[in-house]
């Protein structure tokens, strides 16, 4: 059996498939990155709307995707389970294309609001469906690295928008943006459906065909047949029990512990400070640059964050299978927490007229974004996919994302008003504290999931000693 398990085949097709699946992250990342350069433009005297938008309007534009993401998470989870992962990801590309098209057709505030609401559905699809789809097409030895691709593509998409937003005109940016999801939609047609989904709907022959292409082996190969049997066994184990999945989770002591871990990891990602930083990077750098004589413009400093994001995304994809999920999550949470506390102290010192080095905001913000891209952004979905079976993955990811999205909504809606009212340092101290708490929780509670079977992980949650550790 060990020989069979080791014979995993050539992973090139899995990598190709994962790249196209997770390119959805690029499409979604560009919609989030758009807010930074265009937020500054829309609030300037040169605003394409003719009248500069207010702080309230910009805050709602930034926060609405996270509010809409709450119901969208459950819609996406249902569509993914009912109609397939592939069709759901394709639907997300269509949604993004419509979002950009609306902005091209109108400069009214209502058009911005509607378009940003659609971003919430793209966000849900990227964060819920893409990690599940990737997990279900990948071998154990590469699923962590491939699962982190969505984070890498998100960072590249954000960086792409930072750059073209600084170079091209408002409408040119939108024309470029609308073309990308349309091309992605066409490419996705050639990708296979998730074998787990195909087995679930009784299309076992198609599942064998999909696995044959993914593993580059004949359909009757023992590896393919064993994987089909593993998928069937997992789904048979889930066949009984409550149809209301959250009720089933809360009735099972192991599942509720796994759910708590998934939720804690999701909140660690959202409360590290990266969300307001990425959406308001230009404005935050503008605040920190006042009177410092920095040469770079806020948009150019934001581009630096984009480079750091990509570096972090490449880092996590390359090391996650070496160092494991737990160690990487601890380090990124700890470093992010310390950097946020230093940044908060810098703003506090400036409020009291103390002279502080102008490079501190740049370094600390870069560290925050590096840690977000290198672990905090990608690992929660990877871990969640590995600690739940097919039956529960969609529902759990939807629920944890809904709760996390609600926190993002309030962060973005009130970040700028509160920063003006009580000082931006309070917000960054809060983010720092959350990161440090996340590091401690990971050390004490979260098990290592790298390359392990579900039952093996559940043995840890039961407090049993596992022979593989």
Protein backbone atom coordinates (compact mmCIF):
# COMPACT_ATOMS: atom_id res chain seq x y z
CA UNK A 1 0.00 0.00 0.00
CA UNK A 2 2.88 2.35 0.78
CA UNK A 3 4.32 1.72 -2.68
CA UNK A 4 0.99 2.55 -4.26
CA UNK A 5 0.66 5.72 -2.21
CA UNK A 6 4.17 6.81 -3.16
CA UNK A 7 3.38 6.32 -6.87
CA UNK A 8 1.65 9.65 -7.26
CA UNK A 9 2.53 10.28 -10.89
CA UNK A 10 3.67 13.43 -12.67
CA UNK A 11 2.06 16.49 -11.00
CA UNK A 12 2.34 18.84 -14.00
CA UNK A 13 -1.35 18.62 -14.92
CA UNK A 14 -2.35 19.23 -11.31
CA UNK A 15 -0.16 22.34 -11.29
CA UNK A 16 -1.63 23.58 -14.58
CA UNK A 17 -5.17 23.01 -13.31
CA UNK A 18 -4.43 24.69 -9.97
CA UNK A 19 -2.92 27.71 -11.74
CA UNK A 20 -6.06 28.29 -13.79
CA UNK A 21 -8.37 27.61 -10.84
CA UNK A 22 -6.54 30.03 -8.58
CA UNK A 23 -6.17 32.72 -11.24
CA UNK A 24 -9.59 33.68 -9.89
CA UNK A 25 -7.55 35.16 -7.04
CA UNK A 26 -5.87 37.51 -9.54
CA UNK A 27 -9.25 38.63 -10.86
CA UNK A 28 -10.54 39.21 -7.33
CA UNK A 29 -7.29 40.83 -6.17
CA UNK A 30 -7.54 43.41 -8.93
CA UNK A 31 -10.99 44.48 -7.67
CA UNK A 32 -9.60 45.01 -4.16
CA UNK A 33 -6.40 46.70 -5.40
CA UNK A 34 -8.49 49.10 -7.52
CA UNK A 35 -9.66 50.89 -4.38
CA UNK A 36 -6.21 52.18 -3.44
CA UNK A 37 -5.20 54.22 -6.54
CA UNK A 38 -8.77 54.95 -7.62
CA UNK A 39 -9.89 55.90 -4.11
CA UNK A 40 -7.33 58.70 -4.17
CA UNK A 41 -8.38 59.73 -7.68
CA UNK A 42 -12.11 59.71 -6.93
CA UNK A 43 -11.56 61.93 -3.89
CA UNK A 44 -9.32 64.39 -5.73
CA UNK A 45 -10.19 67.52 -7.68
CA UNK A 46 -9.51 65.54 -10.88
CA UNK A 47 -12.17 62.93 -10.02
CA UNK A 48 -13.79 61.46 -13.18
CA UNK A 49 -17.16 61.83 -11.42
CA UNK A 50 -16.82 65.62 -11.60
CA UNK A 51 -17.33 65.98 -7.85
CA UNK A 52 -14.87 64.41 -5.36
CA UNK A 53 -16.38 61.52 -3.41
CA UNK A 54 -16.63 61.88 0.35
CA UNK A 55 -14.93 59.75 3.00
CA UNK A 56 -18.29 58.14 3.76
CA UNK A 57 -18.85 57.16 0.13
CA UNK A 58 -15.34 55.74 -0.22
CA UNK A 59 -15.70 53.84 3.07
CA UNK A 60 -18.95 52.26 1.90
CA UNK A 61 -17.41 51.35 -1.46
CA UNK A 62 -14.50 49.66 0.32
CA UNK A 63 -16.61 47.86 2.91
CA UNK A 64 -19.67 46.71 0.93
CA UNK A 65 -17.94 43.72 -0.73
CA UNK A 66 -17.29 42.28 2.73
CA UNK A 67 -20.92 42.79 3.76
CA UNK A 68 -22.23 41.15 0.59
CA UNK A 69 -19.71 38.36 1.04
CA UNK A 70 -21.65 37.14 4.11
CA UNK A 71 -24.71 35.79 2.20
CA UNK A 72 -22.57 35.15 -0.89
CA UNK A 73 -20.45 32.63 1.03
CA UNK A 74 -23.48 30.38 1.52
CA UNK A 75 -24.69 30.90 -2.05
CA UNK A 76 -21.26 29.92 -3.40
CA UNK A 77 -21.00 26.92 -1.05
CA UNK A 78 -24.44 25.71 -2.17
CA UNK A 79 -23.74 26.25 -5.88
CA UNK A 80 -20.37 24.51 -5.54
CA UNK A 81 -21.92 21.46 -3.86
CA UNK A 82 -24.98 21.40 -6.13
CA UNK A 83 -23.56 22.29 -9.55
CA UNK A 84 -19.82 21.68 -9.22
CA UNK A 85 -16.64 23.53 -8.33
CA UNK A 86 -15.71 24.29 -11.94
CA UNK A 87 -19.00 25.96 -12.83
CA UNK A 88 -18.85 28.01 -9.64
CA UNK A 89 -15.38 29.33 -10.41
CA UNK A 90 -16.51 30.18 -13.94
CA UNK A 91 -19.48 32.07 -12.48
CA UNK A 92 -17.05 34.14 -10.40
CA UNK A 93 -15.20 35.28 -13.53
CA UNK A 94 -18.50 36.33 -15.10
CA UNK A 95 -19.40 38.25 -11.93
CA UNK A 96 -16.10 40.15 -12.00
CA UNK A 97 -16.54 41.03 -15.67
CA UNK A 98 -20.01 42.45 -14.92
CA UNK A 99 -18.54 44.44 -12.01
CA UNK A 100 -16.04 46.19 -14.28
CA UNK A 101 -18.64 46.67 -17.04
CA UNK A 102 -20.96 48.53 -14.65
CA UNK A 103 -18.15 50.97 -13.77
CA UNK A 104 -17.50 51.49 -17.47
CA UNK A 105 -21.16 52.29 -18.13
CA UNK A 106 -21.73 54.79 -15.32
CA UNK A 107 -19.91 57.17 -13.00
CA UNK A 108 -22.84 57.45 -10.59
CA UNK A 109 -22.33 56.54 -6.96
CA UNK A 110 -25.11 53.94 -7.22
CA UNK A 111 -23.16 52.22 -10.02
CA UNK A 112 -20.05 52.06 -7.83
CA UNK A 113 -22.15 50.62 -5.00
CA UNK A 114 -23.73 47.90 -7.19
CA UNK A 115 -20.37 47.00 -8.72
CA UNK A 116 -18.70 46.75 -5.32
CA UNK A 117 -21.54 44.53 -4.07
CA UNK A 118 -20.77 42.10 -6.91
CA UNK A 119 -17.17 42.01 -5.70
CA UNK A 120 -18.54 40.31 -2.59
CA UNK A 121 -19.63 37.32 -4.68
CA UNK A 122 -16.22 37.16 -6.33
CA UNK A 123 -14.62 37.28 -2.90
CA UNK A 124 -16.78 34.40 -1.68
CA UNK A 125 -15.99 32.27 -4.72
CA UNK A 126 -12.28 32.91 -4.40
CA UNK A 127 -12.08 32.23 -0.67
CA UNK A 128 -14.57 29.34 -0.47
CA UNK A 129 -14.62 27.47 -3.77
CA UNK A 130 -11.03 27.83 -5.03
CA UNK A 131 -9.35 26.25 -1.95
CA UNK A 132 -11.84 23.36 -1.99
CA UNK A 133 -11.44 22.80 -5.74
CA UNK A 134 -7.65 22.88 -5.43
CA UNK A 135 -7.62 20.49 -2.48
CA UNK A 136 -9.79 18.00 -4.35
CA UNK A 137 -7.59 17.84 -7.47
CA UNK A 138 -4.19 17.77 -5.72
CA UNK A 139 -2.05 15.03 -4.18
CA UNK A 140 -1.29 15.27 -0.46
CA UNK A 141 2.36 16.12 -1.04
CA UNK A 142 1.61 19.29 -3.04
CA UNK A 143 -1.87 20.34 -1.88
CA UNK A 144 -0.45 22.89 0.58
CA UNK A 145 1.70 24.62 -2.02
CA UNK A 146 -1.09 24.59 -4.62
CA UNK A 147 -3.60 25.75 -2.01
CA UNK A 148 -1.47 28.84 -1.39
CA UNK A 149 -1.59 29.84 -5.07
CA UNK A 150 -4.88 31.70 -4.58
CA UNK A 151 -3.12 34.01 -2.13
CA UNK A 152 -0.20 34.52 -4.52
CA UNK A 153 -2.52 35.37 -7.40
CA UNK A 154 -4.50 37.73 -5.16
CA UNK A 155 -1.31 39.65 -4.38
CA UNK A 156 -0.28 39.77 -8.04
CA UNK A 157 -3.74 41.02 -8.97
CA UNK A 158 -3.58 43.78 -6.36
CA UNK A 159 -0.08 44.77 -7.51
CA UNK A 160 -1.21 44.78 -11.13
CA UNK A 161 -3.97 47.25 -10.29
CA UNK A 162 -1.61 49.45 -8.24
CA UNK A 163 0.68 49.74 -11.27
CA UNK A 164 -1.84 50.29 -14.05
CA UNK A 165 -3.85 52.58 -11.78
CA UNK A 166 -0.80 54.84 -11.51
CA UNK A 167 0.05 54.69 -15.23
CA UNK A 168 -3.19 54.67 -17.23
CA UNK A 169 -6.34 56.75 -17.29
CA UNK A 170 -9.45 55.80 -15.34
CA UNK A 171 -11.32 54.29 -18.31
CA UNK A 172 -8.26 52.53 -19.73
CA UNK A 173 -7.81 50.75 -16.41
CA UNK A 174 -11.42 49.56 -16.56
CA UNK A 175 -11.10 48.26 -20.13
CA UNK A 176 -8.00 46.28 -19.19
CA UNK A 177 -9.72 44.96 -16.06
CA UNK A 178 -12.90 43.79 -17.82
CA UNK A 179 -10.96 41.79 -20.43
CA UNK A 180 -9.08 39.63 -17.89
CA UNK A 181 -11.99 37.66 -16.37
CA UNK A 182 -13.43 37.08 -19.85
CA UNK A 183 -10.20 35.45 -21.02
CA UNK A 184 -10.04 33.45 -17.78
CA UNK A 185 -13.58 32.21 -18.35
CA UNK A 186 -12.64 30.77 -21.75
CA UNK A 187 -9.55 29.00 -20.38
CA UNK A 188 -11.50 27.42 -17.51
CA UNK A 189 -13.69 25.51 -19.97
CA UNK A 190 -10.78 23.12 -20.64
CA UNK A 191 -10.21 22.29 -16.96
CA UNK A 192 -11.63 19.11 -15.35
CA UNK A 193 -14.30 19.08 -12.67
CA UNK A 194 -13.41 18.06 -9.10
CA UNK A 195 -13.25 14.23 -8.88
CA UNK A 196 -14.87 14.39 -5.42
CA UNK A 197 -17.85 16.26 -6.82
CA UNK A 198 -18.16 13.85 -9.77
CA UNK A 199 -18.20 10.86 -7.42
CA UNK A 200 -20.80 12.59 -5.26
CA UNK A 201 -23.21 13.02 -8.19
CA UNK A 202 -22.69 9.45 -9.41
CA UNK A 203 -20.39 10.24 -12.36
CA UNK A 204 -17.70 7.77 -11.38
CA UNK A 205 -16.46 7.24 -14.94
CA UNK A 206 -15.97 10.98 -15.40
CA UNK A 207 -14.19 11.12 -12.04
CA UNK A 208 -11.80 8.39 -13.23
CA UNK A 209 -11.21 10.34 -16.44
CA UNK A 210 -10.51 13.54 -14.50
CA UNK A 211 -8.10 11.76 -12.13
CA UNK A 212 -6.44 10.03 -15.08
CA UNK A 213 -5.64 13.43 -16.62
CA UNK A 214 -4.62 14.99 -13.30
CA UNK A 215 -2.32 12.09 -12.30
CA UNK A 216 -1.19 11.35 -15.89
CA UNK A 217 -2.07 7.67 -15.52
CA UNK A 218 -4.46 5.26 -17.21
CA UNK A 219 -8.00 5.09 -15.81
CA UNK A 220 -7.56 1.49 -14.72
CA UNK A 221 -4.28 2.19 -12.91
CA UNK A 222 -4.27 1.04 -9.29
CA UNK A 223 -3.50 4.59 -8.05
CA UNK A 224 -6.61 5.95 -9.79
CA UNK A 225 -8.81 3.15 -8.50
CA UNK A 226 -7.51 3.58 -4.95
CA UNK A 227 -8.21 7.32 -5.02
CA UNK A 228 -11.74 6.69 -6.25
CA UNK A 229 -12.26 4.24 -3.40
CA UNK A 230 -10.88 6.74 -0.85
CA UNK A 231 -13.27 9.41 -2.12
CA UNK A 232 -16.21 7.01 -1.97
CA UNK A 233 -15.30 5.87 1.54
CA UNK A 234 -15.03 9.47 2.77
CA UNK A 235 -18.43 10.32 1.32
CA UNK A 236 -19.99 7.10 2.65
CA UNK A 237 -18.79 8.01 6.13
CA UNK A 238 -20.55 11.35 5.74
CA UNK A 239 -23.76 9.82 4.36
CA UNK A 240 -25.51 9.54 7.72
CA UNK A 241 -26.24 12.30 10.19
CA UNK A 242 -28.05 15.63 10.15
CA UNK A 243 -28.75 17.25 6.82
CA UNK A 244 -28.31 20.59 8.55
CA UNK A 245 -24.54 20.51 8.55
CA UNK A 246 -23.86 23.21 11.14
CA UNK A 247 -26.13 21.36 13.57
CA UNK A 248 -24.15 18.18 12.94
CA UNK A 249 -20.89 20.02 13.57
CA UNK A 250 -22.05 21.50 16.87
CA UNK A 251 -23.29 18.08 18.06
CA UNK A 252 -19.87 16.43 17.53
CA UNK A 253 -17.07 17.30 19.98
CA UNK A 254 -14.29 16.74 17.41
CA UNK A 255 -16.04 18.63 14.62
CA UNK A 256 -16.79 21.60 16.88
CA UNK A 257 -13.12 21.73 17.90
CA UNK A 258 -12.11 21.64 14.24
CA UNK A 259 -14.64 24.40 13.52
CA UNK A 260 -13.18 26.56 16.29
CA UNK A 261 -9.72 26.12 14.77
CA UNK A 262 -11.00 27.05 11.30
CA UNK A 263 -12.76 30.15 12.68
CA UNK A 264 -9.75 31.26 14.74
CA UNK A 265 -7.49 30.91 11.70
CA UNK A 266 -9.93 32.88 9.52
CA UNK A 267 -10.16 35.71 12.07
CA UNK A 268 -6.37 35.75 12.39
CA UNK A 269 -6.24 36.45 8.66
CA UNK A 270 -8.83 39.23 8.73
CA UNK A 271 -7.79 40.99 11.96
CA UNK A 272 -4.07 41.29 11.24
CA UNK A 273 -4.57 44.78 9.77
CA UNK A 274 -3.94 43.83 6.15
CA UNK A 275 -7.53 44.48 5.01
CA UNK A 276 -7.66 48.23 5.79
CA UNK A 277 -4.00 48.58 4.79
CA UNK A 278 -4.63 47.12 1.33
CA UNK A 279 -7.84 49.09 0.76
CA UNK A 280 -6.55 52.40 2.11
CA UNK A 281 -2.82 52.01 1.47
CA UNK A 282 -2.58 55.24 -0.49
CA UNK A 283 -4.38 57.22 2.21
CA UNK A 284 -2.37 55.61 5.05
CA UNK A 285 0.90 56.44 3.33
CA UNK A 286 -0.36 59.95 2.69
CA UNK A 287 -1.06 60.33 6.44
CA UNK A 288 2.35 58.96 7.41
CA UNK A 289 4.16 61.09 4.79
CA UNK A 290 2.87 64.43 6.09
CA UNK A 291 5.84 66.61 6.89
CA UNK A 292 8.40 63.82 6.42
CA UNK A 293 9.70 64.87 3.03
CA UNK A 294 9.41 61.38 1.53
CA UNK A 295 10.11 61.39 -2.20
CA UNK A 296 7.74 58.60 -3.24
CA UNK A 297 4.07 59.39 -3.81
CA UNK A 298 1.43 57.47 -1.84
CA UNK A 299 0.61 55.39 -4.94
CA UNK A 300 4.28 54.55 -5.48
CA UNK A 301 4.63 53.52 -1.85
CA UNK A 302 1.53 51.36 -2.31
CA UNK A 303 3.29 49.65 -5.23
CA UNK A 304 6.04 48.74 -2.79
CA UNK A 305 3.39 46.87 -0.80
CA UNK A 306 2.45 45.03 -3.97
CA UNK A 307 6.02 43.85 -4.48
CA UNK A 308 6.13 42.73 -0.85
CA UNK A 309 2.83 40.87 -1.29
CA UNK A 310 4.15 38.94 -4.26
CA UNK A 311 7.34 38.11 -2.37
CA UNK A 312 5.29 36.78 0.53
CA UNK A 313 3.06 34.75 -1.77
CA UNK A 314 6.07 33.16 -3.46
CA UNK A 315 7.61 32.48 -0.06
CA UNK A 316 4.61 30.62 1.32
CA UNK A 317 4.15 28.50 -1.83
CA UNK A 318 7.79 27.43 -1.70
CA UNK A 319 8.17 26.71 2.05
CA UNK A 320 4.74 25.57 3.26
CA UNK A 321 5.43 21.92 2.42
CA UNK A 322 8.83 22.10 4.13
CA UNK A 323 8.16 23.88 7.40
CA UNK A 324 4.48 22.95 7.75
CA UNK A 325 1.32 24.99 8.30
CA UNK A 326 1.64 25.49 12.06
CA UNK A 327 5.17 26.90 12.22
CA UNK A 328 4.53 29.28 9.33
CA UNK A 329 1.29 30.53 10.89
CA UNK A 330 3.02 31.14 14.25
CA UNK A 331 5.91 33.11 12.73
CA UNK A 332 3.75 35.26 10.45
CA UNK A 333 1.27 36.05 13.25
CA UNK A 334 4.06 37.00 15.64
CA UNK A 335 5.97 39.21 13.22
CA UNK A 336 2.79 40.89 11.97
CA UNK A 337 1.70 41.61 15.56
CA UNK A 338 5.00 43.18 16.51
CA UNK A 339 5.12 45.30 13.35
CA UNK A 340 1.58 46.63 13.93
CA UNK A 341 2.49 47.60 17.52
CA UNK A 342 5.61 49.44 16.29
CA UNK A 343 3.56 51.27 13.64
CA UNK A 344 0.96 52.26 16.25
CA UNK A 345 3.73 53.58 18.51
CA UNK A 346 5.13 55.62 15.60
CA UNK A 347 1.77 57.34 14.99
CA UNK A 348 1.32 57.91 18.74
CA UNK A 349 4.79 59.45 19.03
CA UNK A 350 4.06 61.73 16.09
CA UNK A 351 0.82 62.89 17.74
CA UNK A 352 2.89 63.98 20.75
CA UNK A 353 5.32 65.85 18.48
CA UNK A 354 8.16 63.38 18.91
CA UNK A 355 10.41 63.10 15.86
CA UNK A 356 10.38 59.54 14.54
CA UNK A 357 12.16 58.08 11.49
CA UNK A 358 10.02 58.39 8.35
CA UNK A 359 10.96 54.89 7.20
CA UNK A 360 9.18 53.14 10.10
CA UNK A 361 5.66 53.22 8.53
CA UNK A 362 7.03 51.83 5.26
CA UNK A 363 8.93 48.99 6.95
CA UNK A 364 6.14 48.04 9.36
CA UNK A 365 3.41 48.14 6.73
CA UNK A 366 5.58 46.05 4.42
CA UNK A 367 6.14 43.52 7.23
CA UNK A 368 2.39 43.34 7.87
CA UNK A 369 1.63 42.71 4.21
CA UNK A 370 4.55 40.27 3.87
CA UNK A 371 3.22 38.20 6.78
CA UNK A 372 -0.31 38.36 5.43
CA UNK A 373 0.79 37.08 2.02
CA UNK A 374 3.33 34.60 3.42
CA UNK A 375 0.97 32.80 5.75
CA UNK A 376 -2.03 34.55 7.28
CA UNK A 377 -3.91 34.94 4.01
CA UNK A 378 -3.49 31.46 2.54
CA UNK A 379 -3.02 29.04 5.44
CA UNK A 380 -6.47 29.33 7.09
CA UNK A 381 -8.23 27.99 3.97
CA UNK A 382 -5.58 25.30 3.48
CA UNK A 383 -5.95 24.16 7.09
CA UNK A 384 -9.76 24.23 6.92
CA UNK A 385 -9.74 22.10 3.77
CA UNK A 386 -7.51 19.56 5.52
CA UNK A 387 -9.47 19.23 8.77
CA UNK A 388 -12.91 18.67 7.21
CA UNK A 389 -14.29 16.05 4.84
CA UNK A 390 -16.04 16.77 1.52
CA UNK A 391 -19.44 17.00 3.23
CA UNK A 392 -18.44 19.83 5.56
CA UNK A 393 -15.76 21.80 3.66
CA UNK A 394 -18.08 24.16 1.79
CA UNK A 395 -20.32 24.91 4.75
CA UNK A 396 -17.44 25.47 7.17
CA UNK A 397 -15.51 27.71 4.79
CA UNK A 398 -18.71 29.64 4.05
CA UNK A 399 -19.49 30.12 7.74
CA UNK A 400 -15.98 31.13 8.81
CA UNK A 401 -15.72 33.45 5.81
CA UNK A 402 -19.11 35.01 6.63
CA UNK A 403 -18.01 35.80 10.19
CA UNK A 404 -14.63 37.06 8.98
CA UNK A 405 -16.29 39.16 6.26
CA UNK A 406 -18.53 40.81 8.85
CA UNK A 407 -15.43 41.86 10.78
CA UNK A 408 -13.91 43.21 7.54
CA UNK A 409 -17.06 45.19 6.80
CA UNK A 410 -16.91 47.01 10.13
CA UNK A 411 -13.15 47.50 9.84
CA UNK A 412 -13.44 49.23 6.48
CA UNK A 413 -16.59 51.17 7.28
CA UNK A 414 -15.21 52.66 10.48
CA UNK A 415 -11.44 52.65 9.97
CA UNK A 416 -11.20 56.12 8.46
CA UNK A 417 -13.81 57.81 10.74
CA UNK A 418 -12.29 56.27 13.89
CA UNK A 419 -8.75 57.06 12.75
CA UNK A 420 -9.80 60.71 12.45
CA UNK A 421 -11.72 60.71 15.74
CA UNK A 422 -9.48 58.82 18.19
CA UNK A 423 -6.24 58.34 16.29
CA UNK A 424 -5.03 55.72 13.82
CA UNK A 425 -2.64 54.33 16.45
CA UNK A 426 -5.56 52.77 18.37
CA UNK A 427 -6.54 50.69 15.32
CA UNK A 428 -2.99 49.45 14.77
CA UNK A 429 -2.55 48.54 18.45
CA UNK A 430 -5.74 46.49 18.15
CA UNK A 431 -4.47 44.67 15.05
CA UNK A 432 -1.16 44.00 16.76
CA UNK A 433 -2.86 42.51 19.81
CA UNK A 434 -5.04 40.24 17.64
CA UNK A 435 -1.98 38.92 15.81
CA UNK A 436 -0.13 38.15 19.04
CA UNK A 437 -3.20 36.32 20.39
CA UNK A 438 -3.39 34.34 17.15
CA UNK A 439 0.25 33.27 17.49
CA UNK A 440 -0.40 32.04 21.04
CA UNK A 441 -3.58 30.18 19.98
CA UNK A 442 -1.72 28.47 17.14
CA UNK A 443 1.01 27.29 19.50
CA UNK A 444 -1.45 25.86 22.02
CA UNK A 445 -4.35 24.54 19.91
CA UNK A 446 -3.86 24.18 16.15
CA UNK A 447 -2.40 20.82 15.03
CA UNK A 448 -0.01 20.33 12.14
CA UNK A 449 -1.98 19.14 9.07
CA UNK A 450 0.77 18.81 6.46
CA UNK A 451 0.50 15.54 4.51
CA UNK A 452 -1.79 13.92 7.08
CA UNK A 453 -5.06 11.99 6.74
CA UNK A 454 -8.23 13.35 8.28
CA UNK A 455 -8.47 10.63 10.94
CA UNK A 456 -4.84 11.18 11.89
CA UNK A 457 -5.55 14.88 12.46
CA UNK A 458 -8.69 14.05 14.45
CA UNK A 459 -6.58 11.80 16.69
CA UNK A 460 -4.66 14.94 17.67
CA UNK A 461 -7.90 16.76 18.37
CA UNK A 462 -8.93 13.87 20.62
CA UNK A 463 -5.66 14.30 22.48
CA UNK A 464 -4.22 10.98 21.30
CA UNK A 465 -0.58 10.44 20.39
CA UNK A 466 -0.06 9.93 16.68
CA UNK A 467 2.72 7.71 15.42
CA UNK A 468 3.55 10.11 12.59
CA UNK A 469 4.52 12.98 14.94
